[in-house]
């Protein structure tokens, strides 16, 4: 199928044709980290209720696991959907959204606590938990509500959930260096399921991801929202081509697998390696399949 329309001109778009082979095959991946040596800022290290969901995404009516990683008393939790809110987000330390649950008191955390969160029959999209402690600390934990099956809608938006972890400079081994190749070029893998710095807000979320979510809500686009692992869970690229007319990447993923390589599925605590940038993969795959790849030179919109 030729490319019929462009969902949003400021972002990368992949239209699926007939015989994709982007995700087929088996084997190992190359490791090509991009060293930057960036250290966390003081704002990113702001005190917070540190929490993250065990998985990148959950289906409607599933039970999600929210893991709190530090000590806090008098914690209250509420779930929000990101995108439809009218309030303007002016800080990189805050997530705003439309509440989909009431506030729930869960007591204290002694440094590690698992809280079960019931996902409702909510539309596919990006959601987050907001946690407030009695001492005033706040934390956020984003997660994707995926569709019940691939292709529930004919257009999919893939959020950069693995990219968020690639830029997560959280130092879990206390060696003074962030656990990411963006902090130390010697690091070749990152652990998934880590709480983000900046009180739990993914790096550059307000600048790169939130404007697209606002645009989807404002224009009433009804799409399947996927995590990167949801995309890679497809048995083959042919399955994706049958499920979707269009797949949109609001931000080019930083963690991808090379063409002809079957990705390994990872759960919380697994490790995933950086690989060939998506744009290079598509250029390679285009020689083998009917793929139209469009990238606008216009930068992402601002809120």
Protein backbone atom coordinates (compact mmCIF):
# COMPACT_ATOMS: atom_id res chain seq x y z
CA UNK A 1 0.00 0.00 0.00
CA UNK A 2 1.50 3.38 -0.95
CA UNK A 3 1.68 6.19 1.58
CA UNK A 4 -1.72 7.93 1.48
CA UNK A 5 -1.40 10.60 4.12
CA UNK A 6 0.91 12.05 6.75
CA UNK A 7 -0.43 12.01 10.29
CA UNK A 8 1.70 14.96 11.45
CA UNK A 9 4.38 16.70 9.37
CA UNK A 10 6.77 17.41 12.23
CA UNK A 11 7.43 13.81 13.08
CA UNK A 12 8.82 10.62 11.57
CA UNK A 13 6.24 8.42 9.87
CA UNK A 14 6.51 4.82 8.66
CA UNK A 15 3.80 3.58 6.30
CA UNK A 16 3.67 -0.17 6.02
CA UNK A 17 3.58 -1.74 2.59
CA UNK A 18 3.35 -5.36 1.55
CA UNK A 19 6.43 -7.44 2.35
CA UNK A 20 8.18 -5.93 5.36
CA UNK A 21 11.13 -7.79 6.77
CA UNK A 22 12.16 -5.26 9.39
CA UNK A 23 11.62 -7.51 12.41
CA UNK A 24 12.17 -10.95 10.93
CA UNK A 25 15.10 -13.29 11.56
CA UNK A 26 17.07 -14.36 14.60
CA UNK A 27 20.48 -13.75 16.12
CA UNK A 28 22.28 -11.19 18.24
CA UNK A 29 22.48 -7.42 17.98
CA UNK A 30 25.38 -5.07 17.44
CA UNK A 31 26.28 -2.59 20.14
CA UNK A 32 27.01 0.96 19.03
CA UNK A 33 26.70 3.26 22.05
CA UNK A 34 26.89 7.01 21.57
CA UNK A 35 28.95 8.51 24.41
CA UNK A 36 27.91 11.90 25.70
CA UNK A 37 29.19 11.97 29.26
CA UNK A 38 26.21 13.96 30.51
CA UNK A 39 25.72 14.19 34.28
CA UNK A 40 22.33 14.66 35.99
CA UNK A 41 21.42 18.22 36.82
CA UNK A 42 20.41 19.33 40.32
CA UNK A 43 16.80 19.57 39.16
CA UNK A 44 16.85 16.00 37.85
CA UNK A 45 18.00 14.83 41.29
CA UNK A 46 15.12 16.57 43.10
CA UNK A 47 13.75 14.51 46.03
CA UNK A 48 10.76 12.42 44.97
CA UNK A 49 8.70 9.35 45.66
CA UNK A 50 10.69 7.06 43.36
CA UNK A 51 8.45 4.63 41.52
CA UNK A 52 8.02 2.90 38.17
CA UNK A 53 5.73 0.34 36.63
CA UNK A 54 7.14 -3.14 36.11
CA UNK A 55 6.19 -3.16 32.42
CA UNK A 56 6.09 -0.55 29.69
CA UNK A 57 2.45 -1.23 28.87
CA UNK A 58 -0.70 -2.96 30.05
CA UNK A 59 -3.93 -3.94 28.32
CA UNK A 60 -7.31 -2.65 29.53
CA UNK A 61 -8.53 -4.39 32.72
CA UNK A 62 -5.11 -5.88 33.47
CA UNK A 63 -3.50 -5.49 36.88
CA UNK A 64 -0.36 -3.37 36.75
CA UNK A 65 2.50 -3.51 39.22
CA UNK A 66 3.77 -0.18 40.52
CA UNK A 67 7.11 -0.54 42.31
CA UNK A 68 8.14 2.09 44.88
CA UNK A 69 11.93 2.15 45.34
CA UNK A 70 12.54 4.44 48.31
CA UNK A 71 11.18 5.27 51.74
CA UNK A 72 8.09 7.42 52.10
CA UNK A 73 5.16 7.73 54.50
CA UNK A 74 1.53 8.56 53.91
CA UNK A 75 1.63 7.88 50.17
CA UNK A 76 -1.40 8.70 48.04
CA UNK A 77 -1.71 7.48 44.44
CA UNK A 78 -3.86 8.71 41.57
CA UNK A 79 -3.85 7.72 37.88
CA UNK A 80 -4.08 10.26 35.05
CA UNK A 81 -4.18 10.21 31.26
CA UNK A 82 -1.65 12.44 29.52
CA UNK A 83 -2.70 14.49 26.49
CA UNK A 84 -6.34 15.60 26.88
CA UNK A 85 -5.59 17.98 29.77
CA UNK A 86 -6.04 21.73 29.26
CA UNK A 87 -3.47 22.80 31.86
CA UNK A 88 -0.11 23.91 30.46
CA UNK A 89 2.92 21.96 31.70
CA UNK A 90 5.69 24.47 32.40
CA UNK A 91 8.19 22.29 34.26
CA UNK A 92 10.30 19.27 33.32
CA UNK A 93 9.58 17.90 36.80
CA UNK A 94 5.82 17.64 36.39
CA UNK A 95 3.27 15.59 34.45
CA UNK A 96 -0.27 16.87 34.07
CA UNK A 97 -3.27 14.94 32.87
CA UNK A 98 -6.94 14.12 33.19
CA UNK A 99 -7.69 11.94 36.25
CA UNK A 100 -9.12 8.50 35.51
CA UNK A 101 -9.21 7.31 39.13
CA UNK A 102 -9.74 8.85 42.52
CA UNK A 103 -6.94 9.34 45.05
CA UNK A 104 -5.99 6.18 46.93
CA UNK A 105 -4.08 6.09 50.22
CA UNK A 106 -1.61 3.20 50.32
CA UNK A 107 0.35 3.90 53.49
CA UNK A 108 4.14 3.74 53.63
CA UNK A 109 7.10 2.29 51.77
CA UNK A 110 10.17 1.03 53.63
CA UNK A 111 12.35 1.17 50.52
CA UNK A 112 10.66 -1.43 48.32
CA UNK A 113 6.97 -1.89 47.88
CA UNK A 114 4.82 -3.32 45.11
CA UNK A 115 1.40 -1.71 44.66
CA UNK A 116 -1.17 -3.31 42.40
CA UNK A 117 -3.05 -0.90 40.15
CA UNK A 118 -6.17 -1.99 38.30
CA UNK A 119 -6.19 -0.70 34.73
CA UNK A 120 -9.69 0.29 33.69
CA UNK A 121 -11.41 -0.02 30.32
CA UNK A 122 -9.50 3.07 29.28
CA UNK A 123 -8.71 4.17 25.72
CA UNK A 124 -5.25 3.32 24.45
CA UNK A 125 -2.84 6.09 25.39
CA UNK A 126 -0.19 7.29 27.81
CA UNK A 127 -1.10 7.27 31.49
CA UNK A 128 0.83 7.93 34.67
CA UNK A 129 0.60 7.45 38.39
CA UNK A 130 1.14 10.47 40.60
CA UNK A 131 2.40 9.63 44.07
CA UNK A 132 2.37 12.14 46.93
CA UNK A 133 4.04 11.53 50.28
CA UNK A 134 3.15 13.10 53.62
CA UNK A 135 6.37 15.15 53.58
CA UNK A 136 5.42 16.82 50.30
CA UNK A 137 7.53 14.75 47.91
CA UNK A 138 5.89 13.90 44.59
CA UNK A 139 6.72 11.24 42.02
CA UNK A 140 5.39 10.23 38.62
CA UNK A 141 5.38 6.84 36.90
CA UNK A 142 4.24 6.70 33.24
CA UNK A 143 2.88 3.63 31.46
CA UNK A 144 1.11 2.86 28.20
CA UNK A 145 -2.37 1.38 27.94
CA UNK A 146 -2.03 -0.66 24.78
CA UNK A 147 -4.90 -1.90 22.59
CA UNK A 148 -6.47 -5.26 23.31
CA UNK A 149 -4.87 -6.60 20.13
CA UNK A 150 -2.57 -5.24 17.44
CA UNK A 151 -4.66 -3.55 14.79
CA UNK A 152 -7.65 -2.66 16.91
CA UNK A 153 -7.35 0.64 15.03
CA UNK A 154 -5.67 1.03 11.66
CA UNK A 155 -3.13 3.65 12.83
CA UNK A 156 -0.59 3.10 15.61
CA UNK A 157 1.57 5.56 17.51
CA UNK A 158 4.72 4.10 19.09
CA UNK A 159 5.90 5.98 22.17
CA UNK A 160 9.67 5.90 22.82
CA UNK A 161 9.52 3.92 26.06
CA UNK A 162 12.92 2.28 25.56
CA UNK A 163 14.43 5.58 24.49
CA UNK A 164 13.24 7.04 27.78
CA UNK A 165 15.23 4.40 29.64
CA UNK A 166 18.28 4.96 27.43
CA UNK A 167 18.34 8.60 28.58
CA UNK A 168 17.66 7.65 32.21
CA UNK A 169 20.84 8.59 34.10
CA UNK A 170 19.67 7.07 37.37
CA UNK A 171 22.71 5.72 39.28
CA UNK A 172 21.52 2.47 40.85
CA UNK A 173 24.95 0.99 41.58
CA UNK A 174 26.08 4.16 43.43
CA UNK A 175 29.35 4.49 41.50
CA UNK A 176 28.77 8.17 40.84
CA UNK A 177 28.00 7.62 37.13
CA UNK A 178 24.59 7.31 35.56
CA UNK A 179 23.66 3.81 34.40
CA UNK A 180 23.43 4.71 30.72
CA UNK A 181 25.79 5.04 27.77
CA UNK A 182 24.78 8.70 27.69
CA UNK A 183 26.67 9.08 30.96
CA UNK A 184 29.49 6.60 30.35
CA UNK A 185 30.42 5.16 26.95
CA UNK A 186 31.55 1.95 28.66
CA UNK A 187 27.95 1.16 29.58
CA UNK A 188 26.49 -1.06 26.85
CA UNK A 189 23.11 -1.96 28.35
CA UNK A 190 20.48 -0.43 30.59
CA UNK A 191 18.03 -2.03 32.98
CA UNK A 192 14.39 -1.51 32.17
CA UNK A 193 11.77 -0.68 34.76
CA UNK A 194 13.88 1.94 36.56
CA UNK A 195 12.27 5.04 38.05
CA UNK A 196 13.17 8.10 36.02
CA UNK A 197 15.01 11.09 37.39
CA UNK A 198 13.22 14.46 37.41
CA UNK A 199 10.63 13.10 39.89
CA UNK A 200 9.77 10.31 37.45
CA UNK A 201 9.28 12.39 34.28
CA UNK A 202 11.14 10.93 31.26
CA UNK A 203 13.98 13.06 29.90
CA UNK A 204 12.74 15.71 27.42
CA UNK A 205 9.14 14.45 27.72
CA UNK A 206 7.67 17.96 27.91
CA UNK A 207 9.60 19.10 24.86
CA UNK A 208 9.38 16.09 22.52
CA UNK A 209 6.51 13.81 23.51
CA UNK A 210 3.85 15.90 25.22
CA UNK A 211 3.16 18.22 22.22
CA UNK A 212 2.31 15.19 20.07
CA UNK A 213 -0.01 13.76 22.73
CA UNK A 214 -1.72 17.15 22.94
CA UNK A 215 -2.14 17.21 19.16
CA UNK A 216 -3.67 13.72 19.13
CA UNK A 217 -6.20 14.71 21.79
CA UNK A 218 -6.96 18.12 20.30
CA UNK A 219 -7.66 16.72 16.83
CA UNK A 220 -9.60 13.70 18.08
CA UNK A 221 -7.33 11.10 16.50
CA UNK A 222 -8.35 7.58 17.56
CA UNK A 223 -5.19 5.45 17.39
CA UNK A 224 -3.52 2.43 18.96
CA UNK A 225 -0.81 3.67 21.30
CA UNK A 226 2.04 1.18 21.68
CA UNK A 227 5.24 0.94 23.64
CA UNK A 228 8.38 0.00 21.75
CA UNK A 229 8.23 -3.49 23.24
CA UNK A 230 4.63 -3.85 22.03
CA UNK A 231 5.82 -3.16 18.50
CA UNK A 232 8.63 -5.68 18.80
CA UNK A 233 6.30 -8.31 20.21
CA UNK A 234 4.76 -8.79 16.77
CA UNK A 235 5.60 -12.22 15.37
CA UNK A 236 6.73 -10.71 12.09
CA UNK A 237 6.65 -7.53 10.09
CA UNK A 238 3.92 -9.12 7.96
CA UNK A 239 1.70 -9.13 11.05
CA UNK A 240 2.30 -5.41 11.49
CA UNK A 241 1.64 -4.74 7.81
CA UNK A 242 -1.69 -6.54 8.10
CA UNK A 243 -2.62 -4.80 11.33
CA UNK A 244 -1.82 -1.20 10.40
CA UNK A 245 -1.98 1.17 7.47
CA UNK A 246 0.32 3.58 9.26
CA UNK A 247 2.74 3.53 12.19
CA UNK A 248 3.85 6.86 13.62
CA UNK A 249 7.03 7.39 15.65
CA UNK A 250 6.71 10.78 17.42
CA UNK A 251 10.37 10.52 18.41
CA UNK A 252 13.00 8.43 16.63
CA UNK A 253 13.75 5.45 18.94
CA UNK A 254 17.27 5.25 20.34
CA UNK A 255 17.08 1.51 21.01
CA UNK A 256 16.24 -0.62 18.03
CA UNK A 257 17.26 -3.90 16.47
CA UNK A 258 18.90 -4.25 13.09
CA UNK A 259 16.98 -5.52 10.05
CA UNK A 260 17.03 -9.29 9.87
CA UNK A 261 17.42 -9.60 13.66
CA UNK A 262 14.67 -10.98 15.87
CA UNK A 263 14.46 -8.78 18.99
CA UNK A 264 14.52 -10.31 22.43
CA UNK A 265 11.46 -9.59 24.53
CA UNK A 266 12.33 -8.10 27.88
CA UNK A 267 10.39 -7.74 31.10
CA UNK A 268 11.18 -5.57 34.07
CA UNK A 269 14.77 -6.02 35.13
CA UNK A 270 15.89 -7.27 31.73
CA UNK A 271 18.65 -5.56 29.79
CA UNK A 272 18.46 -4.30 26.25
CA UNK A 273 21.31 -3.13 24.09
CA UNK A 274 21.53 -0.03 21.87
CA UNK A 275 21.69 -0.68 18.16
CA UNK A 276 21.27 0.81 14.71
CA UNK A 277 19.16 4.02 14.62
CA UNK A 278 15.68 3.54 13.23
CA UNK A 279 16.27 5.79 10.22
CA UNK A 280 19.21 3.65 9.08
CA UNK A 281 17.14 0.50 9.55
CA UNK A 282 14.35 1.85 7.38
CA UNK A 283 16.74 2.91 4.64
CA UNK A 284 18.18 -0.60 4.63
CA UNK A 285 14.79 -2.26 4.77
CA UNK A 286 13.44 -0.12 1.96
CA UNK A 287 15.69 -1.98 -0.46
CA UNK A 288 13.89 -5.20 0.47
CA UNK A 289 10.30 -4.07 0.98
CA UNK A 290 7.69 -1.57 -0.08
CA UNK A 291 8.27 1.06 2.61
CA UNK A 292 7.65 4.78 2.49
CA UNK A 293 9.58 6.76 5.08
CA UNK A 294 8.86 10.44 5.56
CA UNK A 295 10.64 12.83 7.89
CA UNK A 296 9.88 16.54 7.94
CA UNK A 297 12.62 19.08 8.45
CA UNK A 298 10.29 21.03 10.71
CA UNK A 299 11.02 20.67 14.41
CA UNK A 300 8.45 19.51 16.98
CA UNK A 301 5.84 22.08 18.00
CA UNK A 302 5.99 23.81 21.35
CA UNK A 303 3.23 23.97 23.92
